[in-house]
Amino acid sequence: MLSRIVLLPVIVGVSYEFTRLTARLADRPWMRVLIAPNLALQRLTTRDPDDGMLEVAIAALKAVLAGESTLAGEIAG
């Protein structure tokens, strides 16, 4: 556990520098090969939500807003 905490700044630093490097050299063919897996993962995780997901999100938002209005009424009253 301690080794993970100690190595975290190193991993974050390397990741940051890799991101900067790929942004600067993205137009080069050899760099596109290195970037391709990251872009594929991003494409997989950022798909548009389907109708079921949107329904759940709307229901959750309505529940939160109803709870906030109830709480605001209790505080004001």
PDB file of N, CA and C in Angstrom:
ATOM      1  N   MET A   1       0.829  -1.195   0.000  1.00  0.00           N
ATOM      2  CA  MET A   1       0.000   0.000   0.000  1.00  0.00           C
ATOM      3  C   MET A   1       0.871   1.256   0.000  1.00  0.00           C
ATOM      4  N   LEU A   2       1.902   1.240   0.816  1.00  0.00           N
ATOM      5  CA  LEU A   2       2.782   2.403   0.891  1.00  0.00           C
ATOM      6  C   LEU A   2       3.503   2.636  -0.434  1.00  0.00           C
ATOM      7  N   SER A   3       3.878   1.548  -1.109  1.00  0.00           N
ATOM      8  CA  SER A   3       4.575   1.703  -2.388  1.00  0.00           C
ATOM      9  C   SER A   3       3.675   2.366  -3.427  1.00  0.00           C
ATOM     10  N   ARG A   4       2.373   2.080  -3.373  1.00  0.00           N
ATOM     11  CA  ARG A   4       1.444   2.724  -4.305  1.00  0.00           C
ATOM     12  C   ARG A   4       1.366   4.217  -4.043  1.00  0.00           C
ATOM     13  N   ILE A   5       1.342   4.587  -2.788  1.00  0.00           N
ATOM     14  CA  ILE A   5       1.275   6.012  -2.445  1.00  0.00           C
ATOM     15  C   ILE A   5       2.564   6.714  -2.851  1.00  0.00           C
ATOM     16  N   VAL A   6       3.680   6.059  -2.627  1.00  0.00           N
ATOM     17  CA  VAL A   6       4.975   6.653  -2.964  1.00  0.00           C
ATOM     18  C   VAL A   6       5.136   6.780  -4.475  1.00  0.00           C
ATOM     19  N   LEU A   7       4.669   5.796  -5.230  1.00  0.00           N
ATOM     20  CA  LEU A   7       4.840   5.808  -6.680  1.00  0.00           C
ATOM     21  C   LEU A   7       3.789   6.629  -7.411  1.00  0.00           C
ATOM     22  N   LEU A   8       2.737   7.027  -6.737  1.00  0.00           N
ATOM     23  CA  LEU A   8       1.667   7.775  -7.393  1.00  0.00           C
ATOM     24  C   LEU A   8       2.166   9.059  -8.063  1.00  0.00           C
ATOM     25  N   PRO A   9       2.960   9.905  -7.399  1.00  0.00           N
ATOM     26  CA  PRO A   9       3.441  11.112  -8.092  1.00  0.00           C
ATOM     27  C   PRO A   9       4.284  10.799  -9.329  1.00  0.00           C
ATOM     28  N   VAL A  10       5.041   9.728  -9.287  1.00  0.00           N
ATOM     29  CA  VAL A  10       5.861   9.344 -10.437  1.00  0.00           C
ATOM     30  C   VAL A  10       4.962   8.931 -11.601  1.00  0.00           C
ATOM     31  N   ILE A  11       3.963   8.120 -11.322  1.00  0.00           N
ATOM     32  CA  ILE A  11       3.052   7.658 -12.372  1.00  0.00           C
ATOM     33  C   ILE A  11       2.274   8.824 -12.961  1.00  0.00           C
ATOM     34  N   VAL A  12       1.807   9.720 -12.108  1.00  0.00           N
ATOM     35  CA  VAL A  12       1.070  10.892 -12.589  1.00  0.00           C
ATOM     36  C   VAL A  12       1.976  11.769 -13.443  1.00  0.00           C
ATOM     37  N   GLY A  13       3.210  11.958 -13.024  1.00  0.00           N
ATOM     38  CA  GLY A  13       4.148  12.776 -13.786  1.00  0.00           C
ATOM     39  C   GLY A  13       4.463  12.187 -15.148  1.00  0.00           C
ATOM     40  N   VAL A  14       4.689  10.891 -15.197  1.00  0.00           N
ATOM     41  CA  VAL A  14       4.972  10.223 -16.472  1.00  0.00           C
ATOM     42  C   VAL A  14       3.756  10.311 -17.390  1.00  0.00           C
ATOM     43  N   SER A  15       2.572  10.105 -16.836  1.00  0.00           N
ATOM     44  CA  SER A  15       1.346  10.191 -17.641  1.00  0.00           C
ATOM     45  C   SER A  15       1.161  11.592 -18.203  1.00  0.00           C
ATOM     46  N   TYR A  16       1.415  12.594 -17.387  1.00  0.00           N
ATOM     47  CA  TYR A  16       1.281  13.980 -17.836  1.00  0.00           C
ATOM     48  C   TYR A  16       2.255  14.283 -18.969  1.00  0.00           C
ATOM     49  N   GLU A  17       3.492  13.871 -18.805  1.00  0.00           N
ATOM     50  CA  GLU A  17       4.491  14.128 -19.839  1.00  0.00           C
ATOM     51  C   GLU A  17       4.169  13.368 -21.124  1.00  0.00           C
ATOM     52  N   PHE A  18       3.650  12.152 -21.014  1.00  0.00           N
ATOM     53  CA  PHE A  18       3.253  11.400 -22.205  1.00  0.00           C
ATOM     54  C   PHE A  18       2.116  12.115 -22.927  1.00  0.00           C
ATOM     55  N   THR A  19       1.168  12.644 -22.173  1.00  0.00           N
ATOM     56  CA  THR A  19       0.057  13.382 -22.775  1.00  0.00           C
ATOM     57  C   THR A  19       0.565  14.619 -23.505  1.00  0.00           C
ATOM     58  N   ARG A  20       1.484  15.344 -22.898  1.00  0.00           N
ATOM     59  CA  ARG A  20       2.062  16.524 -23.561  1.00  0.00           C
ATOM     60  C   ARG A  20       2.803  16.135 -24.834  1.00  0.00           C
ATOM     61  N   LEU A  21       3.567  15.056 -24.766  1.00  0.00           N
ATOM     62  CA  LEU A  21       4.327  14.596 -25.928  1.00  0.00           C
ATOM     63  C   LEU A  21       3.394  14.192 -27.063  1.00  0.00           C
ATOM     64  N   THR A  22       2.350  13.451 -26.756  1.00  0.00           N
ATOM     65  CA  THR A  22       1.431  13.024 -27.809  1.00  0.00           C
ATOM     66  C   THR A  22       0.684  14.202 -28.412  1.00  0.00           C
ATOM     67  N   ALA A  23       0.393  15.209 -27.623  1.00  0.00           N
ATOM     68  CA  ALA A  23      -0.286  16.388 -28.171  1.00  0.00           C
ATOM     69  C   ALA A  23       0.640  17.143 -29.121  1.00  0.00           C
ATOM     70  N   ARG A  24       1.908  17.210 -28.770  1.00  0.00           N
ATOM     71  CA  ARG A  24       2.857  17.957 -29.591  1.00  0.00           C
ATOM     72  C   ARG A  24       3.226  17.214 -30.878  1.00  0.00           C
ATOM     73  N   LEU A  25       3.256  15.888 -30.817  1.00  0.00           N
ATOM     74  CA  LEU A  25       3.719  15.098 -31.959  1.00  0.00           C
ATOM     75  C   LEU A  25       2.610  14.268 -32.596  1.00  0.00           C
ATOM     76  N   ALA A  26       1.374  14.647 -32.424  1.00  0.00           N
ATOM     77  CA  ALA A  26       0.236  13.848 -32.895  1.00  0.00           C
ATOM     78  C   ALA A  26       0.179  13.720 -34.411  1.00  0.00           C
ATOM     79  N   ASP A  27       0.826  14.612 -35.135  1.00  0.00           N
ATOM     80  CA  ASP A  27       0.761  14.559 -36.596  1.00  0.00           C
ATOM     81  C   ASP A  27       1.761  13.562 -37.198  1.00  0.00           C
ATOM     82  N   ARG A  28       2.614  12.976 -36.400  1.00  0.00           N
ATOM     83  CA  ARG A  28       3.609  12.030 -36.904  1.00  0.00           C
ATOM     84  C   ARG A  28       3.046  10.607 -36.904  1.00  0.00           C
ATOM     85  N   PRO A  29       3.310   9.845 -37.965  1.00  0.00           N
ATOM     86  CA  PRO A  29       2.729   8.494 -38.086  1.00  0.00           C
ATOM     87  C   PRO A  29       3.102   7.550 -36.940  1.00  0.00           C
ATOM     88  N   TRP A  30       4.345   7.582 -36.484  1.00  0.00           N
ATOM     89  CA  TRP A  30       4.751   6.673 -35.417  1.00  0.00           C
ATOM     90  C   TRP A  30       4.071   7.008 -34.104  1.00  0.00           C
ATOM     91  N   MET A  31       3.738   8.287 -33.914  1.00  0.00           N
ATOM     92  CA  MET A  31       3.047   8.675 -32.686  1.00  0.00           C
ATOM     93  C   MET A  31       1.583   8.260 -32.741  1.00  0.00           C
ATOM     94  N   ARG A  32       1.008   8.246 -33.937  1.00  0.00           N
ATOM     95  CA  ARG A  32      -0.385   7.800 -34.077  1.00  0.00           C
ATOM     96  C   ARG A  32      -0.537   6.358 -33.620  1.00  0.00           C
ATOM     97  N   VAL A  33       0.499   5.551 -33.844  1.00  0.00           N
ATOM     98  CA  VAL A  33       0.468   4.158 -33.400  1.00  0.00           C
ATOM     99  C   VAL A  33       0.403   4.093 -31.873  1.00  0.00           C
ATOM    100  N   LEU A  34       1.123   4.975 -31.199  1.00  0.00           N
ATOM    101  CA  LEU A  34       1.098   4.999 -29.737  1.00  0.00           C
ATOM    102  C   LEU A  34      -0.209   5.566 -29.189  1.00  0.00           C
ATOM    103  N   ILE A  35      -0.814   6.478 -29.922  1.00  0.00           N
ATOM    104  CA  ILE A  35      -2.041   7.133 -29.471  1.00  0.00           C
ATOM    105  C   ILE A  35      -3.271   6.265 -29.722  1.00  0.00           C
ATOM    106  N   ALA A  36      -3.231   5.403 -30.714  1.00  0.00           N
ATOM    107  CA  ALA A  36      -4.413   4.634 -31.139  1.00  0.00           C
ATOM    108  C   ALA A  36      -5.110   3.866 -30.009  1.00  0.00           C
ATOM    109  N   PRO A  37      -4.400   3.140 -29.134  1.00  0.00           N
ATOM    110  CA  PRO A  37      -5.115   2.438 -28.055  1.00  0.00           C
ATOM    111  C   PRO A  37      -5.852   3.387 -27.108  1.00  0.00           C
ATOM    112  N   ASN A  38      -5.253   4.522 -26.814  1.00  0.00           N
ATOM    113  CA  ASN A  38      -5.906   5.493 -25.933  1.00  0.00           C
ATOM    114  C   ASN A  38      -7.167   6.053 -26.571  1.00  0.00           C
ATOM    115  N   LEU A  39      -7.098   6.346 -27.857  1.00  0.00           N
ATOM    116  CA  LEU A  39      -8.277   6.874 -28.541  1.00  0.00           C
ATOM    117  C   LEU A  39      -9.378   5.822 -28.645  1.00  0.00           C
ATOM    118  N   ALA A  40      -8.990   4.563 -28.829  1.00  0.00           N
ATOM    119  CA  ALA A  40      -9.990   3.491 -28.883  1.00  0.00           C
ATOM    120  C   ALA A  40     -10.693   3.342 -27.539  1.00  0.00           C
ATOM    121  N   LEU A  41      -9.946   3.428 -26.458  1.00  0.00           N
ATOM    122  CA  LEU A  41     -10.549   3.357 -25.128  1.00  0.00           C
ATOM    123  C   LEU A  41     -11.463   4.548 -24.881  1.00  0.00           C
ATOM    124  N   GLN A  42     -11.038   5.723 -25.290  1.00  0.00           N
ATOM    125  CA  GLN A  42     -11.870   6.913 -25.130  1.00  0.00           C
ATOM    126  C   GLN A  42     -13.162   6.781 -25.939  1.00  0.00           C
ATOM    127  N   ARG A  43     -13.073   6.276 -27.135  1.00  0.00           N
ATOM    128  CA  ARG A  43     -14.261   6.089 -27.973  1.00  0.00           C
ATOM    129  C   ARG A  43     -15.223   5.097 -27.319  1.00  0.00           C
ATOM    130  N   LEU A  44     -14.674   4.069 -26.695  1.00  0.00           N
ATOM    131  CA  LEU A  44     -15.499   3.056 -26.037  1.00  0.00           C
ATOM    132  C   LEU A  44     -16.219   3.633 -24.819  1.00  0.00           C
ATOM    133  N   THR A  45     -15.551   4.481 -24.060  1.00  0.00           N
ATOM    134  CA  THR A  45     -16.121   4.983 -22.806  1.00  0.00           C
ATOM    135  C   THR A  45     -16.937   6.250 -22.971  1.00  0.00           C
ATOM    136  N   THR A  46     -16.951   6.847 -24.146  1.00  0.00           N
ATOM    137  CA  THR A  46     -17.684   8.108 -24.322  1.00  0.00           C
ATOM    138  C   THR A  46     -18.783   7.987 -25.368  1.00  0.00           C
ATOM    139  N   ARG A  47     -19.389   6.815 -25.449  1.00  0.00           N
ATOM    140  CA  ARG A  47     -20.498   6.634 -26.385  1.00  0.00           C
ATOM    141  C   ARG A  47     -21.702   7.435 -25.919  1.00  0.00           C
ATOM    142  N   ASP A  48     -22.575   7.784 -26.860  1.00  0.00           N
ATOM    143  CA  ASP A  48     -23.810   8.474 -26.509  1.00  0.00           C
ATOM    144  C   ASP A  48     -24.707   7.533 -25.711  1.00  0.00           C
ATOM    145  N   PRO A  49     -25.411   8.067 -24.710  1.00  0.00           N
ATOM    146  CA  PRO A  49     -26.282   7.210 -23.904  1.00  0.00           C
ATOM    147  C   PRO A  49     -27.502   6.756 -24.699  1.00  0.00           C
ATOM    148  N   ASP A  50     -27.998   5.563 -24.369  1.00  0.00           N
ATOM    149  CA  ASP A  50     -29.227   5.098 -25.018  1.00  0.00           C
ATOM    150  C   ASP A  50     -30.436   5.641 -24.250  1.00  0.00           C
ATOM    151  N   ASP A  51     -31.626   5.349 -24.730  1.00  0.00           N
ATOM    152  CA  ASP A  51     -32.841   5.905 -24.128  1.00  0.00           C
ATOM    153  C   ASP A  51     -33.016   5.479 -22.673  1.00  0.00           C
ATOM    154  N   GLY A  52     -32.658   4.257 -22.353  1.00  0.00           N
ATOM    155  CA  GLY A  52     -32.776   3.781 -20.973  1.00  0.00           C
ATOM    156  C   GLY A  52     -31.895   4.567 -20.020  1.00  0.00           C
ATOM    157  N   MET A  53     -30.667   4.854 -20.454  1.00  0.00           N
ATOM    158  CA  MET A  53     -29.752   5.638 -19.627  1.00  0.00           C
ATOM    159  C   MET A  53     -30.282   7.045 -19.408  1.00  0.00           C
ATOM    160  N   LEU A  54     -30.847   7.633 -20.460  1.00  0.00           N
ATOM    161  CA  LEU A  54     -31.405   8.978 -20.334  1.00  0.00           C
ATOM    162  C   LEU A  54     -32.593   8.999 -19.381  1.00  0.00           C
ATOM    163  N   GLU A  55     -33.432   7.975 -19.425  1.00  0.00           N
ATOM    164  CA  GLU A  55     -34.577   7.908 -18.516  1.00  0.00           C
ATOM    165  C   GLU A  55     -34.116   7.834 -17.063  1.00  0.00           C
ATOM    166  N   VAL A  56     -33.101   7.039 -16.796  1.00  0.00           N
ATOM    167  CA  VAL A  56     -32.571   6.920 -15.440  1.00  0.00           C
ATOM    168  C   VAL A  56     -31.980   8.248 -14.981  1.00  0.00           C
ATOM    169  N   ALA A  57     -31.253   8.923 -15.850  1.00  0.00           N
ATOM    170  CA  ALA A  57     -30.653  10.208 -15.495  1.00  0.00           C
ATOM    171  C   ALA A  57     -31.718  11.250 -15.191  1.00  0.00           C
ATOM    172  N   ILE A  58     -32.769  11.290 -15.987  1.00  0.00           N
ATOM    173  CA  ILE A  58     -33.849  12.257 -15.763  1.00  0.00           C
ATOM    174  C   ILE A  58     -34.568  11.948 -14.455  1.00  0.00           C
ATOM    175  N   ALA A  59     -34.837  10.677 -14.183  1.00  0.00           N
ATOM    176  CA  ALA A  59     -35.499  10.297 -12.930  1.00  0.00           C
ATOM    177  C   ALA A  59     -34.636  10.665 -11.726  1.00  0.00           C
ATOM    178  N   ALA A  60     -33.332  10.446 -11.825  1.00  0.00           N
ATOM    179  CA  ALA A  60     -32.432  10.793 -10.727  1.00  0.00           C
ATOM    180  C   ALA A  60     -32.395  12.299 -10.512  1.00  0.00           C
ATOM    181  N   LEU A  61     -32.356  13.065 -11.588  1.00  0.00           N
ATOM    182  CA  LEU A  61     -32.346  14.521 -11.470  1.00  0.00           C
ATOM    183  C   LEU A  61     -33.631  15.026 -10.832  1.00  0.00           C
ATOM    184  N   LYS A  62     -34.762  14.479 -11.245  1.00  0.00           N
ATOM    185  CA  LYS A  62     -36.044  14.886 -10.662  1.00  0.00           C
ATOM    186  C   LYS A  62     -36.086  14.568  -9.169  1.00  0.00           C
ATOM    187  N   ALA A  63     -35.561  13.419  -8.770  1.00  0.00           N
ATOM    188  CA  ALA A  63     -35.543  13.048  -7.355  1.00  0.00           C
ATOM    189  C   ALA A  63     -34.676  14.006  -6.545  1.00  0.00           C
ATOM    190  N   VAL A  64     -33.536  14.377  -7.082  1.00  0.00           N
ATOM    191  CA  VAL A  64     -32.654  15.315  -6.384  1.00  0.00           C
ATOM    192  C   VAL A  64     -33.310  16.681  -6.276  1.00  0.00           C
ATOM    193  N   LEU A  65     -33.906  17.161  -7.352  1.00  0.00           N
ATOM    194  CA  LEU A  65     -34.555  18.474  -7.322  1.00  0.00           C
ATOM    195  C   LEU A  65     -35.733  18.486  -6.357  1.00  0.00           C
ATOM    196  N   ALA A  66     -36.495  17.399  -6.298  1.00  0.00           N
ATOM    197  CA  ALA A  66     -37.612  17.321  -5.357  1.00  0.00           C
ATOM    198  C   ALA A  66     -37.091  17.331  -3.923  1.00  0.00           C
ATOM    199  N   GLY A  67     -36.022  16.627  -3.672  1.00  0.00           N
ATOM    200  CA  GLY A  67     -35.415  16.618  -2.338  1.00  0.00           C
ATOM    201  C   GLY A  67     -34.891  17.981  -1.944  1.00  0.00           C
ATOM    202  N   GLU A  68     -34.298  18.693  -2.881  1.00  0.00           N
ATOM    203  CA  GLU A  68     -33.786  20.032  -2.587  1.00  0.00           C
ATOM    204  C   GLU A  68     -34.918  21.006  -2.291  1.00  0.00           C
ATOM    205  N   SER A  69     -36.005  20.918  -3.039  1.00  0.00           N
ATOM    206  CA  SER A  69     -37.114  21.841  -2.792  1.00  0.00           C
ATOM    207  C   SER A  69     -37.756  21.543  -1.441  1.00  0.00           C
ATOM    208  N   THR A  70     -37.838  20.274  -1.059  1.00  0.00           N
ATOM    209  CA  THR A  70     -38.365  19.914   0.257  1.00  0.00           C
ATOM    210  C   THR A  70     -37.449  20.437   1.350  1.00  0.00           C
ATOM    211  N   LEU A  71     -36.166  20.285   1.170  1.00  0.00           N
ATOM    212  CA  LEU A  71     -35.196  20.762   2.148  1.00  0.00           C
ATOM    213  C   LEU A  71     -35.242  22.277   2.258  1.00  0.00           C
ATOM    214  N   ALA A  72     -35.356  22.966   1.130  1.00  0.00           N
ATOM    215  CA  ALA A  72     -35.425  24.428   1.149  1.00  0.00           C
ATOM    216  C   ALA A  72     -36.686  24.892   1.871  1.00  0.00           C
ATOM    217  N   GLY A  73     -37.804  24.178   1.693  1.00  0.00           N
ATOM    218  CA  GLY A  73     -39.042  24.524   2.383  1.00  0.00           C
ATOM    219  C   GLY A  73     -38.922  24.331   3.880  1.00  0.00           C
ATOM    220  N   GLU A  74     -38.219  23.288   4.316  1.00  0.00           N
ATOM    221  CA  GLU A  74     -38.030  23.039   5.741  1.00  0.00           C
ATOM    222  C   GLU A  74     -37.140  24.098   6.370  1.00  0.00           C
ATOM    223  N   ILE A  75     -36.123  24.524   5.654  1.00  0.00           N
ATOM    224  CA  ILE A  75     -35.212  25.543   6.183  1.00  0.00           C
ATOM    225  C   ILE A  75     -35.919  26.888   6.276  1.00  0.00           C
ATOM    226  N   ALA A  76     -36.702  27.229   5.260  1.00  0.00           N
ATOM    227  CA  ALA A  76     -37.405  28.517   5.242  1.00  0.00           C
ATOM    228  C   ALA A  76     -38.535  28.545   6.271  1.00  0.00           C
ATOM    229  N   GLY A  77     -39.154  27.411   6.534  1.00  0.00           N
ATOM    230  CA  GLY A  77     -40.321  27.360   7.414  1.00  0.00           C
ATOM    231  C   GLY A  77     -39.947  27.154   8.809  1.00  0.00           C
TER     232      GLY A  77
END
